[in-house]
Amino acid sequence: QVQLVESGGGLVQAGGSLRVSCAASGRIISIDAMGWHRQAPGKQRELVAGITGGGSTNYADSVKGRFTISRDNAKNTVYLQMDSLKPEDTAVYYCNAEVKVRSWPPYRDDYWGQGTQVTVSS
């Protein structure tokens, strides 16, 4: 019904920047909250940043001041700009979105992307 596809991951040196994107497609009426999560090897998945449909944002303490989440509602896309990257930011980054699905009746569900690897070398 709905697909989320991340892009933009890669390898970057410590102190560098990277931007990841996540585009939603499919039977979408509207998208409420969107977010980025990450999972490092041997660790639990954690919330990195979230953004509501109205544009309010929240961040994990570990990324405040370095990462910026934004969205383009016309493109059903959420972005994560990552600056001043550190080796501890290395993880697979996943986006998620709370979607109102075009169906009868319409319903809301939470969807996840397949993940994109971000590796920060020291």
C-alpha atoms as a PDB file:
ATOM      1  CA  GLN A   1       0.000   0.000   0.000  1.00  0.00           C
ATOM      2  CA  VAL A   2       2.711   2.443   1.033  1.00  0.00           C
ATOM      3  CA  GLN A   3       6.457   2.320   0.475  1.00  0.00           C
ATOM      4  CA  LEU A   4       9.229   4.342   2.062  1.00  0.00           C
ATOM      5  CA  VAL A   5      12.578   4.483   0.291  1.00  0.00           C
ATOM      6  CA  GLU A   6      15.671   5.996   1.917  1.00  0.00           C
ATOM      7  CA  SER A   7      18.656   7.326   0.020  1.00  0.00           C
ATOM      8  CA  GLY A   8      21.802   9.317   0.646  1.00  0.00           C
ATOM      9  CA  GLY A   9      23.704   7.178   3.092  1.00  0.00           C
ATOM     10  CA  GLY A  10      27.395   6.487   2.712  1.00  0.00           C
ATOM     11  CA  LEU A  11      30.863   6.846   4.161  1.00  0.00           C
ATOM     12  CA  VAL A  12      32.074  10.158   5.532  1.00  0.00           C
ATOM     13  CA  GLN A  13      34.967  11.294   7.695  1.00  0.00           C
ATOM     14  CA  ALA A  14      34.421  12.547  11.212  1.00  0.00           C
ATOM     15  CA  GLY A  15      33.420  16.197  11.183  1.00  0.00           C
ATOM     16  CA  GLY A  16      31.814  15.864   7.785  1.00  0.00           C
ATOM     17  CA  SER A  17      28.211  16.168   6.655  1.00  0.00           C
ATOM     18  CA  LEU A  18      25.679  13.923   5.008  1.00  0.00           C
ATOM     19  CA  ARG A  19      22.025  14.265   4.076  1.00  0.00           C
ATOM     20  CA  VAL A  20      19.672  11.314   3.931  1.00  0.00           C
ATOM     21  CA  SER A  21      16.247  11.417   2.313  1.00  0.00           C
ATOM     22  CA  CYS A  22      13.149   9.275   2.579  1.00  0.00           C
ATOM     23  CA  ALA A  23      10.377   9.391   0.002  1.00  0.00           C
ATOM     24  CA  ALA A  24       6.962   7.888   0.629  1.00  0.00           C
ATOM     25  CA  SER A  25       4.780   6.658  -2.196  1.00  0.00           C
ATOM     26  CA  GLY A  26       1.647   4.637  -2.740  1.00  0.00           C
ATOM     27  CA  ARG A  27      -1.929   5.005  -1.596  1.00  0.00           C
ATOM     28  CA  ILE A  28      -1.354   8.076   0.553  1.00  0.00           C
ATOM     29  CA  ILE A  29      -4.028  10.519   1.630  1.00  0.00           C
ATOM     30  CA  SER A  30      -1.845  12.357   4.104  1.00  0.00           C
ATOM     31  CA  ILE A  31       1.189  11.861   6.308  1.00  0.00           C
ATOM     32  CA  ASP A  32       1.246  12.871   9.953  1.00  0.00           C
ATOM     33  CA  ALA A  33       4.463  12.457  11.936  1.00  0.00           C
ATOM     34  CA  MET A  34       7.665  11.361  10.228  1.00  0.00           C
ATOM     35  CA  GLY A  35      10.909  10.405  11.835  1.00  0.00           C
ATOM     36  CA  TRP A  36      14.405   9.029  11.620  1.00  0.00           C
ATOM     37  CA  HIS A  37      15.702   6.215  13.779  1.00  0.00           C
ATOM     38  CA  ARG A  38      19.036   4.436  13.813  1.00  0.00           C
ATOM     39  CA  GLN A  39      20.423   1.120  14.882  1.00  0.00           C
ATOM     40  CA  ALA A  40      24.091   0.464  15.474  1.00  0.00           C
ATOM     41  CA  PRO A  41      25.498  -3.072  15.650  1.00  0.00           C
ATOM     42  CA  GLY A  42      24.626  -4.720  18.936  1.00  0.00           C
ATOM     43  CA  LYS A  43      22.382  -1.847  20.020  1.00  0.00           C
ATOM     44  CA  GLN A  44      18.675  -1.207  20.088  1.00  0.00           C
ATOM     45  CA  ARG A  45      17.021   1.012  17.509  1.00  0.00           C
ATOM     46  CA  GLU A  46      16.720   4.558  18.810  1.00  0.00           C
ATOM     47  CA  LEU A  47      14.831   7.667  17.766  1.00  0.00           C
ATOM     48  CA  VAL A  48      17.113  10.289  16.232  1.00  0.00           C
ATOM     49  CA  ALA A  49      14.637  12.988  15.203  1.00  0.00           C
ATOM     50  CA  GLY A  50      10.944  13.454  14.566  1.00  0.00           C
ATOM     51  CA  ILE A  51       8.771  16.019  12.834  1.00  0.00           C
ATOM     52  CA  THR A  52       5.013  16.442  13.072  1.00  0.00           C
ATOM     53  CA  GLY A  53       2.674  17.273  10.247  1.00  0.00           C
ATOM     54  CA  GLY A  54       2.718  20.855  11.474  1.00  0.00           C
ATOM     55  CA  GLY A  55       6.503  21.028  11.434  1.00  0.00           C
ATOM     56  CA  SER A  56       7.325  20.718  15.121  1.00  0.00           C
ATOM     57  CA  THR A  57      10.569  18.847  15.671  1.00  0.00           C
ATOM     58  CA  ASN A  58      12.271  16.878  18.407  1.00  0.00           C
ATOM     59  CA  TYR A  59      15.757  15.412  18.635  1.00  0.00           C
ATOM     60  CA  ALA A  60      17.716  12.915  20.649  1.00  0.00           C
ATOM     61  CA  ASP A  61      20.088  14.667  23.025  1.00  0.00           C
ATOM     62  CA  SER A  62      23.050  13.063  21.275  1.00  0.00           C
ATOM     63  CA  VAL A  63      22.315  14.836  17.975  1.00  0.00           C
ATOM     64  CA  LYS A  64      20.887  18.184  19.096  1.00  0.00           C
ATOM     65  CA  GLY A  65      22.666  21.061  17.411  1.00  0.00           C
ATOM     66  CA  ARG A  66      24.217  18.757  14.786  1.00  0.00           C
ATOM     67  CA  PHE A  67      21.273  17.167  12.966  1.00  0.00           C
ATOM     68  CA  THR A  68      18.296  18.885  11.344  1.00  0.00           C
ATOM     69  CA  ILE A  69      15.104  17.151  10.272  1.00  0.00           C
ATOM     70  CA  SER A  70      12.824  18.699   7.660  1.00  0.00           C
ATOM     71  CA  ARG A  71      10.062  17.636   5.317  1.00  0.00           C
ATOM     72  CA  ASP A  72       8.566  18.512   1.963  1.00  0.00           C
ATOM     73  CA  ASN A  73       4.879  17.678   2.160  1.00  0.00           C
ATOM     74  CA  ALA A  74       4.347  18.162  -1.579  1.00  0.00           C
ATOM     75  CA  LYS A  75       6.901  15.411  -2.211  1.00  0.00           C
ATOM     76  CA  ASN A  76       5.988  13.223   0.785  1.00  0.00           C
ATOM     77  CA  THR A  77       9.650  13.340   1.676  1.00  0.00           C
ATOM     78  CA  VAL A  78      11.538  13.730   4.932  1.00  0.00           C
ATOM     79  CA  TYR A  79      15.193  14.724   5.168  1.00  0.00           C
ATOM     80  CA  LEU A  80      17.872  14.448   7.819  1.00  0.00           C
ATOM     81  CA  GLN A  81      20.811  16.828   7.485  1.00  0.00           C
ATOM     82  CA  MET A  82      23.697  15.508   9.570  1.00  0.00           C
ATOM     83  CA  ASP A  83      26.596  17.843  10.340  1.00  0.00           C
ATOM     84  CA  SER A  84      29.661  17.478  12.550  1.00  0.00           C
ATOM     85  CA  LEU A  85      29.349  13.723  12.264  1.00  0.00           C
ATOM     86  CA  LYS A  86      31.060  11.520  14.816  1.00  0.00           C
ATOM     87  CA  PRO A  87      32.098   7.850  14.610  1.00  0.00           C
ATOM     88  CA  GLU A  88      29.379   7.038  17.149  1.00  0.00           C
ATOM     89  CA  ASP A  89      26.794   8.191  14.593  1.00  0.00           C
ATOM     90  CA  THR A  90      27.626   5.101  12.529  1.00  0.00           C
ATOM     91  CA  ALA A  91      24.452   3.060  12.126  1.00  0.00           C
ATOM     92  CA  VAL A  92      21.722   1.995   9.770  1.00  0.00           C
ATOM     93  CA  TYR A  93      19.269   4.864   9.545  1.00  0.00           C
ATOM     94  CA  TYR A  94      15.564   4.110   9.111  1.00  0.00           C
ATOM     95  CA  CYS A  95      12.737   6.491   8.371  1.00  0.00           C
ATOM     96  CA  ASN A  96       9.165   5.988   9.413  1.00  0.00           C
ATOM     97  CA  ALA A  97       5.900   7.726   8.684  1.00  0.00           C
ATOM     98  CA  GLU A  98       2.392   7.685  10.098  1.00  0.00           C
ATOM     99  CA  VAL A  99       0.235   7.503   6.992  1.00  0.00           C
ATOM    100  CA  LYS A 100      -3.456   7.879   6.319  1.00  0.00           C
ATOM    101  CA  VAL A 101      -3.967   5.260   3.602  1.00  0.00           C
ATOM    102  CA  ARG A 102      -6.326   5.638   0.684  1.00  0.00           C
ATOM    103  CA  SER A 103      -8.663   2.737   1.195  1.00  0.00           C
ATOM    104  CA  TRP A 104     -12.295   2.176   2.016  1.00  0.00           C
ATOM    105  CA  PRO A 105     -12.579   2.907   4.749  1.00  0.00           C
ATOM    106  CA  PRO A 106      -9.381   4.923   5.053  1.00  0.00           C
ATOM    107  CA  TYR A 107      -7.073   3.873   7.862  1.00  0.00           C
ATOM    108  CA  ARG A 108      -3.872   4.995   9.549  1.00  0.00           C
ATOM    109  CA  ASP A 109      -0.775   2.884   9.862  1.00  0.00           C
ATOM    110  CA  ASP A 110       2.939   3.221  10.568  1.00  0.00           C
ATOM    111  CA  TYR A 111       5.411   2.410   7.788  1.00  0.00           C
ATOM    112  CA  TRP A 112       9.185   1.932   7.764  1.00  0.00           C
ATOM    113  CA  GLY A 113      11.866   2.182   5.132  1.00  0.00           C
ATOM    114  CA  GLN A 114      14.457  -0.498   4.472  1.00  0.00           C
ATOM    115  CA  GLY A 115      17.296   1.494   6.004  1.00  0.00           C
ATOM    116  CA  THR A 116      20.407   3.199   4.705  1.00  0.00           C
ATOM    117  CA  GLN A 117      23.911   2.722   6.088  1.00  0.00           C
ATOM    118  CA  VAL A 118      25.802   5.723   7.430  1.00  0.00           C
ATOM    119  CA  THR A 119      29.430   5.126   8.339  1.00  0.00           C
ATOM    120  CA  VAL A 120      31.607   7.787   9.950  1.00  0.00           C
ATOM    121  CA  SER A 121      35.336   7.099   9.961  1.00  0.00           C
ATOM    122  CA  SER A 122      37.647   8.552  12.583  1.00  0.00           C
END
